[in-house]
Amino acid sequence: MESCPSVRNILLLDSEGNRVAVKYYSDDWPTNSAKEAFEKALFTKTQKTNARTEEIAIFENHIVVYKFVQDLHFFVTGAEDENELILSMVLQGFSDAVDLLLRGTVDKQAALENLDLILLCLDEIVDGGIILETDANVIAGKVASHSMDVDAPLSEQTISQALATAREHLTRSLLG
């Protein structure tokens, strides 16, 4: 009996192989040091490629699809017998949703400034290794609805958040 397509991890690393955002969904890497060693080894193997489009590799008995955008490296890892096309759809959905949420400025600085949105994005794509969504517009829409006023358009999201935070800090300072 065929099981549901699943993902072992999703990694977003910078151009030096350091973590920006990562989520692991399996016990293949039981410790944090094992996870970091996997990330470093994977980065070392793939850094010499110019993966501006999606690439597929077999690495440590896992299928890895990856692509590089500016100074960010996107990776999706699945089991050795997982369907590469499904993993590729997850990668494309993730990278496109990040592009939408960061309004086309996909680089490390923007990713770190909006890390909450990227982590929400990962949560909307995969839950416990099971793929929930691969459509970037749907993912970005759900993330945007979690993180802003329902009536505010996506383009004004960060301004709304900044004003709400400033208002909250001002209220606390006046009352406290």
N, C-alpha and C. Protein backbone atom coordinates (compact mmCIF):
# COMPACT_ATOMS: atom_id res chain seq x y z
N MET A 1 0.84 -1.19 0.00
CA MET A 1 0.00 0.00 0.00
C MET A 1 0.88 1.25 0.00
N GLU A 2 0.57 2.18 -0.88
CA GLU A 2 1.33 3.41 -0.99
C GLU A 2 1.03 4.31 0.21
N SER A 3 2.04 4.94 0.72
CA SER A 3 1.81 5.89 1.81
C SER A 3 1.73 7.30 1.24
N CYS A 4 1.32 8.22 2.08
CA CYS A 4 1.19 9.61 1.69
C CYS A 4 2.58 10.19 1.42
N PRO A 5 2.74 11.02 0.40
CA PRO A 5 4.05 11.64 0.18
C PRO A 5 4.48 12.43 1.41
N SER A 6 5.76 12.34 1.73
CA SER A 6 6.23 13.04 2.93
C SER A 6 7.59 13.68 2.70
N VAL A 7 7.91 14.58 3.61
CA VAL A 7 9.15 15.34 3.57
C VAL A 7 9.92 15.04 4.84
N ARG A 8 11.24 14.89 4.74
CA ARG A 8 12.09 14.65 5.91
C ARG A 8 12.53 15.96 6.56
N ASN A 9 12.83 16.96 5.72
CA ASN A 9 13.17 18.27 6.25
C ASN A 9 13.05 19.33 5.16
N ILE A 10 12.94 20.56 5.60
CA ILE A 10 13.00 21.71 4.70
C ILE A 10 14.05 22.64 5.31
N LEU A 11 15.01 23.03 4.49
CA LEU A 11 16.11 23.85 4.97
C LEU A 11 16.19 25.15 4.17
N LEU A 12 16.44 26.22 4.86
CA LEU A 12 16.75 27.50 4.23
C LEU A 12 18.08 27.95 4.83
N LEU A 13 19.13 27.88 4.03
CA LEU A 13 20.47 28.23 4.49
C LEU A 13 20.95 29.47 3.76
N ASP A 14 21.92 30.15 4.37
CA ASP A 14 22.49 31.31 3.68
C ASP A 14 23.63 30.86 2.77
N SER A 15 24.30 31.81 2.15
CA SER A 15 25.33 31.48 1.16
C SER A 15 26.61 30.94 1.79
N GLU A 16 26.66 30.89 3.12
CA GLU A 16 27.81 30.30 3.82
C GLU A 16 27.44 28.98 4.48
N GLY A 17 26.21 28.53 4.29
CA GLY A 17 25.77 27.26 4.86
C GLY A 17 25.19 27.37 6.25
N ASN A 18 24.97 28.58 6.74
CA ASN A 18 24.40 28.77 8.07
C ASN A 18 22.88 28.74 8.00
N ARG A 19 22.27 28.34 9.09
CA ARG A 19 20.81 28.25 9.15
C ARG A 19 20.16 29.62 9.08
N VAL A 20 19.11 29.69 8.30
CA VAL A 20 18.20 30.83 8.35
C VAL A 20 16.90 30.33 8.95
N ALA A 21 16.33 29.27 8.37
CA ALA A 21 15.13 28.62 8.91
C ALA A 21 15.19 27.15 8.51
N VAL A 22 14.99 26.26 9.46
CA VAL A 22 14.98 24.83 9.17
C VAL A 22 13.86 24.15 9.95
N LYS A 23 13.30 23.11 9.37
CA LYS A 23 12.31 22.27 10.05
C LYS A 23 12.61 20.83 9.70
N TYR A 24 12.70 19.99 10.72
CA TYR A 24 12.91 18.55 10.53
C TYR A 24 11.62 17.83 10.91
N TYR A 25 11.27 16.83 10.11
CA TYR A 25 10.03 16.09 10.31
C TYR A 25 10.25 14.60 10.52
N SER A 26 11.51 14.17 10.70
CA SER A 26 11.78 12.76 10.91
C SER A 26 12.88 12.61 11.95
N ASP A 27 13.06 11.40 12.41
CA ASP A 27 14.10 11.10 13.40
C ASP A 27 15.38 10.61 12.73
N ASP A 28 15.53 10.85 11.44
CA ASP A 28 16.75 10.43 10.74
C ASP A 28 17.98 11.13 11.32
N TRP A 29 17.79 12.30 11.90
CA TRP A 29 18.86 13.07 12.52
C TRP A 29 18.43 13.34 13.96
N PRO A 30 18.80 12.45 14.90
CA PRO A 30 18.24 12.50 16.26
C PRO A 30 18.74 13.66 17.12
N THR A 31 19.93 14.18 16.84
CA THR A 31 20.46 15.26 17.67
C THR A 31 20.65 16.52 16.85
N ASN A 32 20.77 17.62 17.55
CA ASN A 32 21.00 18.89 16.87
C ASN A 32 22.34 18.87 16.13
N SER A 33 23.35 18.24 16.73
CA SER A 33 24.65 18.18 16.05
C SER A 33 24.57 17.32 14.79
N ALA A 34 23.75 16.28 14.79
CA ALA A 34 23.57 15.47 13.58
C ALA A 34 22.87 16.29 12.49
N LYS A 35 21.91 17.10 12.89
CA LYS A 35 21.21 17.97 11.94
C LYS A 35 22.17 18.99 11.34
N GLU A 36 22.98 19.61 12.20
CA GLU A 36 23.93 20.61 11.71
C GLU A 36 24.99 19.98 10.80
N ALA A 37 25.43 18.77 11.14
CA ALA A 37 26.41 18.06 10.30
C ALA A 37 25.81 17.75 8.93
N PHE A 38 24.52 17.33 8.91
CA PHE A 38 23.84 17.06 7.64
C PHE A 38 23.77 18.34 6.80
N GLU A 39 23.39 19.44 7.44
CA GLU A 39 23.27 20.72 6.73
C GLU A 39 24.61 21.16 6.14
N LYS A 40 25.68 21.05 6.93
CA LYS A 40 27.00 21.46 6.45
C LYS A 40 27.45 20.57 5.29
N ALA A 41 27.26 19.25 5.43
CA ALA A 41 27.68 18.32 4.37
C ALA A 41 26.87 18.55 3.10
N LEU A 42 25.56 18.77 3.24
CA LEU A 42 24.71 19.03 2.08
C LEU A 42 25.11 20.34 1.40
N PHE A 43 25.35 21.35 2.20
CA PHE A 43 25.76 22.64 1.65
C PHE A 43 27.08 22.50 0.89
N THR A 44 28.04 21.80 1.49
CA THR A 44 29.35 21.60 0.86
C THR A 44 29.21 20.88 -0.48
N LYS A 45 28.33 19.87 -0.52
CA LYS A 45 28.15 19.11 -1.76
C LYS A 45 27.50 19.96 -2.85
N THR A 46 26.58 20.84 -2.49
CA THR A 46 25.79 21.56 -3.49
C THR A 46 26.29 22.97 -3.79
N GLN A 47 27.19 23.52 -2.99
CA GLN A 47 27.56 24.93 -3.16
C GLN A 47 28.23 25.25 -4.48
N LYS A 48 28.88 24.27 -5.08
CA LYS A 48 29.57 24.53 -6.34
C LYS A 48 28.63 24.53 -7.55
N THR A 49 27.42 24.05 -7.36
CA THR A 49 26.46 24.09 -8.46
C THR A 49 25.86 25.49 -8.53
N ASN A 50 25.40 25.85 -9.68
CA ASN A 50 24.74 27.14 -9.85
C ASN A 50 23.25 26.86 -9.99
N ALA A 51 22.62 26.48 -8.90
CA ALA A 51 21.25 26.00 -8.93
C ALA A 51 20.24 27.15 -8.90
N ARG A 52 20.22 27.93 -9.96
CA ARG A 52 19.22 29.01 -10.06
C ARG A 52 17.86 28.42 -10.44
N THR A 53 17.88 27.23 -11.00
CA THR A 53 16.66 26.48 -11.20
C THR A 53 16.77 25.24 -10.31
N GLU A 54 15.72 24.48 -10.23
CA GLU A 54 15.71 23.33 -9.33
C GLU A 54 16.68 22.25 -9.78
N GLU A 55 17.37 21.69 -8.81
CA GLU A 55 18.29 20.58 -9.03
C GLU A 55 17.86 19.44 -8.12
N ILE A 56 18.22 18.22 -8.52
CA ILE A 56 17.89 17.03 -7.72
C ILE A 56 19.17 16.27 -7.46
N ALA A 57 19.35 15.80 -6.23
CA ALA A 57 20.53 15.01 -5.88
C ALA A 57 20.13 13.91 -4.90
N ILE A 58 20.93 12.85 -4.92
CA ILE A 58 20.79 11.81 -3.89
C ILE A 58 21.93 12.08 -2.91
N PHE A 59 21.59 12.23 -1.65
CA PHE A 59 22.58 12.56 -0.64
C PHE A 59 22.28 11.78 0.63
N GLU A 60 23.23 10.99 1.08
CA GLU A 60 23.09 10.18 2.31
C GLU A 60 21.78 9.40 2.32
N ASN A 61 21.49 8.71 1.22
CA ASN A 61 20.28 7.89 1.08
C ASN A 61 18.98 8.69 1.19
N HIS A 62 19.03 9.94 0.78
CA HIS A 62 17.85 10.80 0.72
C HIS A 62 17.83 11.49 -0.64
N ILE A 63 16.63 11.82 -1.09
CA ILE A 63 16.50 12.64 -2.29
C ILE A 63 16.39 14.09 -1.83
N VAL A 64 17.21 14.94 -2.42
CA VAL A 64 17.21 16.35 -2.07
C VAL A 64 16.95 17.15 -3.34
N VAL A 65 15.96 18.02 -3.28
CA VAL A 65 15.75 18.99 -4.36
C VAL A 65 16.13 20.35 -3.79
N TYR A 66 16.78 21.16 -4.59
CA TYR A 66 17.27 22.43 -4.07
C TYR A 66 17.35 23.47 -5.16
N LYS A 67 17.38 24.71 -4.71
CA LYS A 67 17.57 25.83 -5.63
C LYS A 67 18.12 27.00 -4.84
N PHE A 68 18.85 27.86 -5.53
CA PHE A 68 19.45 29.02 -4.89
C PHE A 68 18.78 30.28 -5.42
N VAL A 69 18.45 31.19 -4.52
CA VAL A 69 17.87 32.48 -4.88
C VAL A 69 18.68 33.54 -4.14
N GLN A 70 19.34 34.40 -4.88
CA GLN A 70 20.24 35.41 -4.30
C GLN A 70 21.23 34.73 -3.36
N ASP A 71 21.23 35.11 -2.07
CA ASP A 71 22.15 34.50 -1.12
C ASP A 71 21.46 33.48 -0.22
N LEU A 72 20.33 32.94 -0.66
CA LEU A 72 19.61 31.91 0.10
C LEU A 72 19.60 30.60 -0.67
N HIS A 73 19.73 29.52 0.06
CA HIS A 73 19.72 28.18 -0.52
C HIS A 73 18.52 27.43 0.07
N PHE A 74 17.59 27.04 -0.79
CA PHE A 74 16.38 26.32 -0.40
C PHE A 74 16.59 24.83 -0.65
N PHE A 75 16.28 23.99 0.34
CA PHE A 75 16.41 22.54 0.21
C PHE A 75 15.15 21.86 0.72
N VAL A 76 14.71 20.80 0.03
CA VAL A 76 13.65 19.93 0.52
C VAL A 76 14.18 18.51 0.40
N THR A 77 14.12 17.77 1.51
CA THR A 77 14.66 16.42 1.56
C THR A 77 13.53 15.42 1.77
N GLY A 78 13.59 14.32 1.03
CA GLY A 78 12.62 13.25 1.17
C GLY A 78 13.33 11.91 1.27
N ALA A 79 12.57 10.87 1.52
CA ALA A 79 13.12 9.52 1.59
C ALA A 79 13.66 9.13 0.22
N GLU A 80 14.50 8.12 0.21
CA GLU A 80 15.14 7.67 -1.03
C GLU A 80 14.11 7.22 -2.07
N ASP A 81 12.97 6.72 -1.62
CA ASP A 81 11.94 6.24 -2.56
C ASP A 81 10.81 7.24 -2.79
N GLU A 82 11.02 8.48 -2.35
CA GLU A 82 9.99 9.51 -2.51
C GLU A 82 9.99 10.01 -3.96
N ASN A 83 8.84 10.51 -4.39
CA ASN A 83 8.67 11.04 -5.74
C ASN A 83 9.34 12.41 -5.84
N GLU A 84 10.32 12.53 -6.75
CA GLU A 84 11.07 13.78 -6.90
C GLU A 84 10.18 14.93 -7.35
N LEU A 85 9.17 14.62 -8.16
CA LEU A 85 8.28 15.69 -8.64
C LEU A 85 7.48 16.31 -7.51
N ILE A 86 7.05 15.49 -6.57
CA ILE A 86 6.31 16.02 -5.42
C ILE A 86 7.23 16.87 -4.56
N LEU A 87 8.45 16.38 -4.31
CA LEU A 87 9.41 17.18 -3.54
C LEU A 87 9.71 18.49 -4.26
N SER A 88 9.80 18.44 -5.57
CA SER A 88 10.05 19.63 -6.37
C SER A 88 8.89 20.63 -6.25
N MET A 89 7.66 20.12 -6.20
CA MET A 89 6.49 20.99 -6.03
C MET A 89 6.53 21.68 -4.66
N VAL A 90 6.96 20.95 -3.63
CA VAL A 90 7.10 21.53 -2.29
C VAL A 90 8.14 22.64 -2.32
N LEU A 91 9.29 22.37 -2.94
CA LEU A 91 10.36 23.37 -3.04
C LEU A 91 9.87 24.60 -3.78
N GLN A 92 9.21 24.40 -4.91
CA GLN A 92 8.71 25.53 -5.70
C GLN A 92 7.67 26.33 -4.92
N GLY A 93 6.77 25.63 -4.23
CA GLY A 93 5.77 26.32 -3.42
C GLY A 93 6.40 27.14 -2.32
N PHE A 94 7.41 26.57 -1.66
CA PHE A 94 8.10 27.27 -0.58
C PHE A 94 8.84 28.50 -1.10
N SER A 95 9.64 28.32 -2.13
CA SER A 95 10.44 29.45 -2.63
C SER A 95 9.54 30.55 -3.22
N ASP A 96 8.48 30.16 -3.92
CA ASP A 96 7.57 31.16 -4.49
C ASP A 96 6.77 31.88 -3.40
N ALA A 97 6.35 31.15 -2.37
CA ALA A 97 5.62 31.79 -1.27
C ALA A 97 6.53 32.78 -0.53
N VAL A 98 7.79 32.41 -0.32
CA VAL A 98 8.74 33.33 0.31
C VAL A 98 8.91 34.56 -0.56
N ASP A 99 9.00 34.37 -1.87
CA ASP A 99 9.12 35.48 -2.80
C ASP A 99 7.91 36.42 -2.69
N LEU A 100 6.72 35.85 -2.62
CA LEU A 100 5.51 36.67 -2.48
C LEU A 100 5.50 37.42 -1.15
N LEU A 101 5.82 36.71 -0.07
CA LEU A 101 5.77 37.32 1.26
C LEU A 101 6.83 38.40 1.45
N LEU A 102 7.98 38.22 0.81
CA LEU A 102 9.06 39.21 0.92
C LEU A 102 9.00 40.23 -0.22
N ARG A 103 7.94 40.18 -0.99
CA ARG A 103 7.68 41.12 -2.08
C ARG A 103 8.83 41.21 -3.07
N GLY A 104 9.36 40.05 -3.45
CA GLY A 104 10.39 39.98 -4.47
C GLY A 104 11.81 40.23 -3.98
N THR A 105 11.97 40.62 -2.72
CA THR A 105 13.30 40.85 -2.16
C THR A 105 13.72 39.62 -1.38
N VAL A 106 14.12 38.58 -2.11
CA VAL A 106 14.49 37.32 -1.46
C VAL A 106 15.99 37.31 -1.22
N ASP A 107 16.38 37.76 -0.03
CA ASP A 107 17.78 37.69 0.38
C ASP A 107 17.83 37.43 1.88
N LYS A 108 19.03 37.19 2.39
CA LYS A 108 19.18 36.80 3.79
C LYS A 108 18.63 37.86 4.74
N GLN A 109 18.94 39.12 4.48
CA GLN A 109 18.50 40.18 5.38
C GLN A 109 16.98 40.24 5.45
N ALA A 110 16.32 40.21 4.30
CA ALA A 110 14.85 40.25 4.28
C ALA A 110 14.27 39.00 4.94
N ALA A 111 14.91 37.86 4.72
CA ALA A 111 14.44 36.61 5.33
C ALA A 111 14.54 36.68 6.85
N LEU A 112 15.64 37.19 7.37
CA LEU A 112 15.80 37.29 8.82
C LEU A 112 14.84 38.32 9.43
N GLU A 113 14.60 39.41 8.71
CA GLU A 113 13.67 40.42 9.20
C GLU A 113 12.23 39.90 9.22
N ASN A 114 11.94 38.92 8.37
CA ASN A 114 10.59 38.36 8.27
C ASN A 114 10.59 36.87 8.60
N LEU A 115 11.43 36.47 9.54
CA LEU A 115 11.58 35.06 9.89
C LEU A 115 10.26 34.46 10.37
N ASP A 116 9.45 35.25 11.06
CA ASP A 116 8.14 34.76 11.52
C ASP A 116 7.27 34.32 10.34
N LEU A 117 7.31 35.08 9.26
CA LEU A 117 6.51 34.73 8.08
C LEU A 117 7.04 33.46 7.42
N ILE A 118 8.35 33.32 7.38
CA ILE A 118 8.95 32.13 6.76
C ILE A 118 8.62 30.88 7.58
N LEU A 119 8.69 30.99 8.90
CA LEU A 119 8.36 29.83 9.74
C LEU A 119 6.88 29.48 9.63
N LEU A 120 6.01 30.48 9.55
CA LEU A 120 4.58 30.22 9.32
C LEU A 120 4.37 29.55 7.96
N CYS A 121 5.16 29.99 6.99
CA CYS A 121 5.11 29.42 5.64
C CYS A 121 5.44 27.92 5.70
N LEU A 122 6.48 27.56 6.42
CA LEU A 122 6.84 26.15 6.57
C LEU A 122 5.71 25.36 7.23
N ASP A 123 5.07 25.97 8.22
CA ASP A 123 3.97 25.30 8.91
C ASP A 123 2.76 25.09 8.00
N GLU A 124 2.55 26.00 7.07
CA GLU A 124 1.43 25.85 6.14
C GLU A 124 1.70 24.81 5.05
N ILE A 125 2.98 24.60 4.74
CA ILE A 125 3.34 23.66 3.68
C ILE A 125 3.34 22.21 4.17
N VAL A 126 3.97 21.97 5.31
CA VAL A 126 4.16 20.62 5.82
C VAL A 126 3.81 20.58 7.30
N ASP A 127 3.12 19.51 7.71
CA ASP A 127 2.81 19.29 9.11
C ASP A 127 3.20 17.86 9.46
N GLY A 128 4.20 17.72 10.33
CA GLY A 128 4.63 16.39 10.73
C GLY A 128 5.18 15.56 9.58
N GLY A 129 5.68 16.22 8.55
CA GLY A 129 6.23 15.52 7.40
C GLY A 129 5.23 15.32 6.27
N ILE A 130 3.94 15.49 6.56
CA ILE A 130 2.89 15.32 5.55
C ILE A 130 2.70 16.64 4.80
N ILE A 131 2.70 16.56 3.49
CA ILE A 131 2.56 17.75 2.65
C ILE A 131 1.11 18.21 2.66
N LEU A 132 0.90 19.47 3.07
CA LEU A 132 -0.44 20.03 3.14
C LEU A 132 -0.78 20.89 1.92
N GLU A 133 0.20 21.67 1.46
CA GLU A 133 -0.08 22.64 0.40
C GLU A 133 1.19 22.92 -0.38
N THR A 134 1.04 23.09 -1.70
CA THR A 134 2.20 23.44 -2.53
C THR A 134 1.95 24.69 -3.39
N ASP A 135 0.75 25.24 -3.36
CA ASP A 135 0.43 26.42 -4.15
C ASP A 135 0.91 27.67 -3.40
N ALA A 136 1.86 28.38 -3.98
CA ALA A 136 2.48 29.53 -3.32
C ALA A 136 1.47 30.61 -2.97
N ASN A 137 0.49 30.87 -3.83
CA ASN A 137 -0.51 31.90 -3.54
C ASN A 137 -1.36 31.54 -2.33
N VAL A 138 -1.74 30.28 -2.23
CA VAL A 138 -2.53 29.82 -1.08
C VAL A 138 -1.70 29.90 0.19
N ILE A 139 -0.45 29.45 0.12
CA ILE A 139 0.44 29.47 1.29
C ILE A 139 0.64 30.91 1.76
N ALA A 140 1.00 31.80 0.85
CA ALA A 140 1.23 33.20 1.21
C ALA A 140 -0.04 33.85 1.74
N GLY A 141 -1.18 33.51 1.17
CA GLY A 141 -2.45 34.05 1.65
C GLY A 141 -2.76 33.62 3.07
N LYS A 142 -2.53 32.34 3.37
CA LYS A 142 -2.77 31.85 4.74
C LYS A 142 -1.81 32.48 5.73
N VAL A 143 -0.54 32.59 5.34
CA VAL A 143 0.45 33.21 6.23
C VAL A 143 0.08 34.67 6.47
N ALA A 144 -0.29 35.38 5.42
CA ALA A 144 -0.66 36.78 5.55
C ALA A 144 -1.88 36.95 6.44
N SER A 145 -2.84 36.04 6.35
CA SER A 145 -4.04 36.16 7.19
C SER A 145 -3.74 35.86 8.65
N HIS A 146 -2.70 35.06 8.92
CA HIS A 146 -2.30 34.79 10.31
C HIS A 146 -1.62 35.99 10.94
N SER A 147 -0.96 36.79 10.13
CA SER A 147 -0.05 37.78 10.68
C SER A 147 -0.48 39.23 10.49
N MET A 148 -1.73 39.46 10.10
CA MET A 148 -2.15 40.85 9.91
C MET A 148 -3.66 40.99 10.11
N ASP A 149 -4.11 42.22 10.03
CA ASP A 149 -5.54 42.48 10.07
C ASP A 149 -6.18 41.84 8.85
N VAL A 150 -7.37 41.29 9.02
CA VAL A 150 -8.04 40.61 7.93
C VAL A 150 -8.32 41.56 6.77
N ASP A 151 -8.62 42.82 7.07
CA ASP A 151 -9.00 43.78 6.03
C ASP A 151 -7.81 44.41 5.31
N ALA A 152 -6.60 44.30 5.88
CA ALA A 152 -5.43 44.95 5.27
C ALA A 152 -4.89 44.12 4.10
N PRO A 153 -4.56 44.77 2.99
CA PRO A 153 -3.98 44.03 1.87
C PRO A 153 -2.56 43.58 2.19
N LEU A 154 -2.09 42.55 1.48
CA LEU A 154 -0.77 41.97 1.72
C LEU A 154 0.33 43.01 1.62
N SER A 155 0.21 43.94 0.68
CA SER A 155 1.27 44.93 0.48
C SER A 155 1.44 45.87 1.68
N GLU A 156 0.41 46.00 2.52
CA GLU A 156 0.48 46.88 3.68
C GLU A 156 0.69 46.13 4.97
N GLN A 157 0.96 44.87 4.89
CA GLN A 157 1.05 44.03 6.08
C GLN A 157 2.10 44.51 7.07
N THR A 158 3.32 44.71 6.64
CA THR A 158 4.37 45.06 7.59
C THR A 158 4.16 46.45 8.17
N ILE A 159 3.56 47.35 7.41
CA ILE A 159 3.26 48.68 7.94
C ILE A 159 2.21 48.57 9.03
N SER A 160 1.19 47.75 8.81
CA SER A 160 0.15 47.54 9.83
C SER A 160 0.76 46.94 11.08
N GLN A 161 1.63 45.96 10.90
CA GLN A 161 2.26 45.32 12.05
C GLN A 161 3.13 46.33 12.80
N ALA A 162 3.89 47.13 12.07
CA ALA A 162 4.76 48.10 12.72
C ALA A 162 3.96 49.13 13.49
N LEU A 163 2.88 49.62 12.92
CA LEU A 163 2.03 50.59 13.62
C LEU A 163 1.39 49.99 14.86
N ALA A 164 0.93 48.75 14.74
CA ALA A 164 0.32 48.09 15.90
C ALA A 164 1.34 47.89 17.01
N THR A 165 2.54 47.51 16.66
CA THR A 165 3.60 47.32 17.66
C THR A 165 3.97 48.65 18.30
N ALA A 166 4.11 49.69 17.50
CA ALA A 166 4.45 51.01 18.04
C ALA A 166 3.34 51.52 18.96
N ARG A 167 2.10 51.31 18.55
CA ARG A 167 0.96 51.72 19.37
C ARG A 167 0.97 50.98 20.72
N GLU A 168 1.27 49.69 20.66
CA GLU A 168 1.31 48.87 21.87
C GLU A 168 2.42 49.33 22.80
N HIS A 169 3.62 49.60 22.26
CA HIS A 169 4.74 50.07 23.08
C HIS A 169 4.45 51.45 23.68
N LEU A 170 3.82 52.32 22.91
CA LEU A 170 3.48 53.64 23.41
C LEU A 170 2.48 53.54 24.55
N THR A 171 1.48 52.69 24.38
CA THR A 171 0.47 52.50 25.42
C THR A 171 1.12 51.96 26.69
N ARG A 172 2.01 51.00 26.55
CA ARG A 172 2.70 50.43 27.73
C ARG A 172 3.55 51.49 28.44
N SER A 173 4.25 52.30 27.66
CA SER A 173 5.13 53.30 28.27
C SER A 173 4.30 54.39 28.98
N LEU A 174 3.13 54.73 28.45
CA LEU A 174 2.28 55.74 29.08
C LEU A 174 1.61 55.20 30.33
N LEU A 175 1.23 53.95 30.31
CA LEU A 175 0.55 53.33 31.45
C LEU A 175 1.53 52.84 32.52
N GLY A 176 2.73 52.54 32.11
CA GLY A 176 3.69 51.90 33.03
C GLY A 176 4.64 52.81 33.63
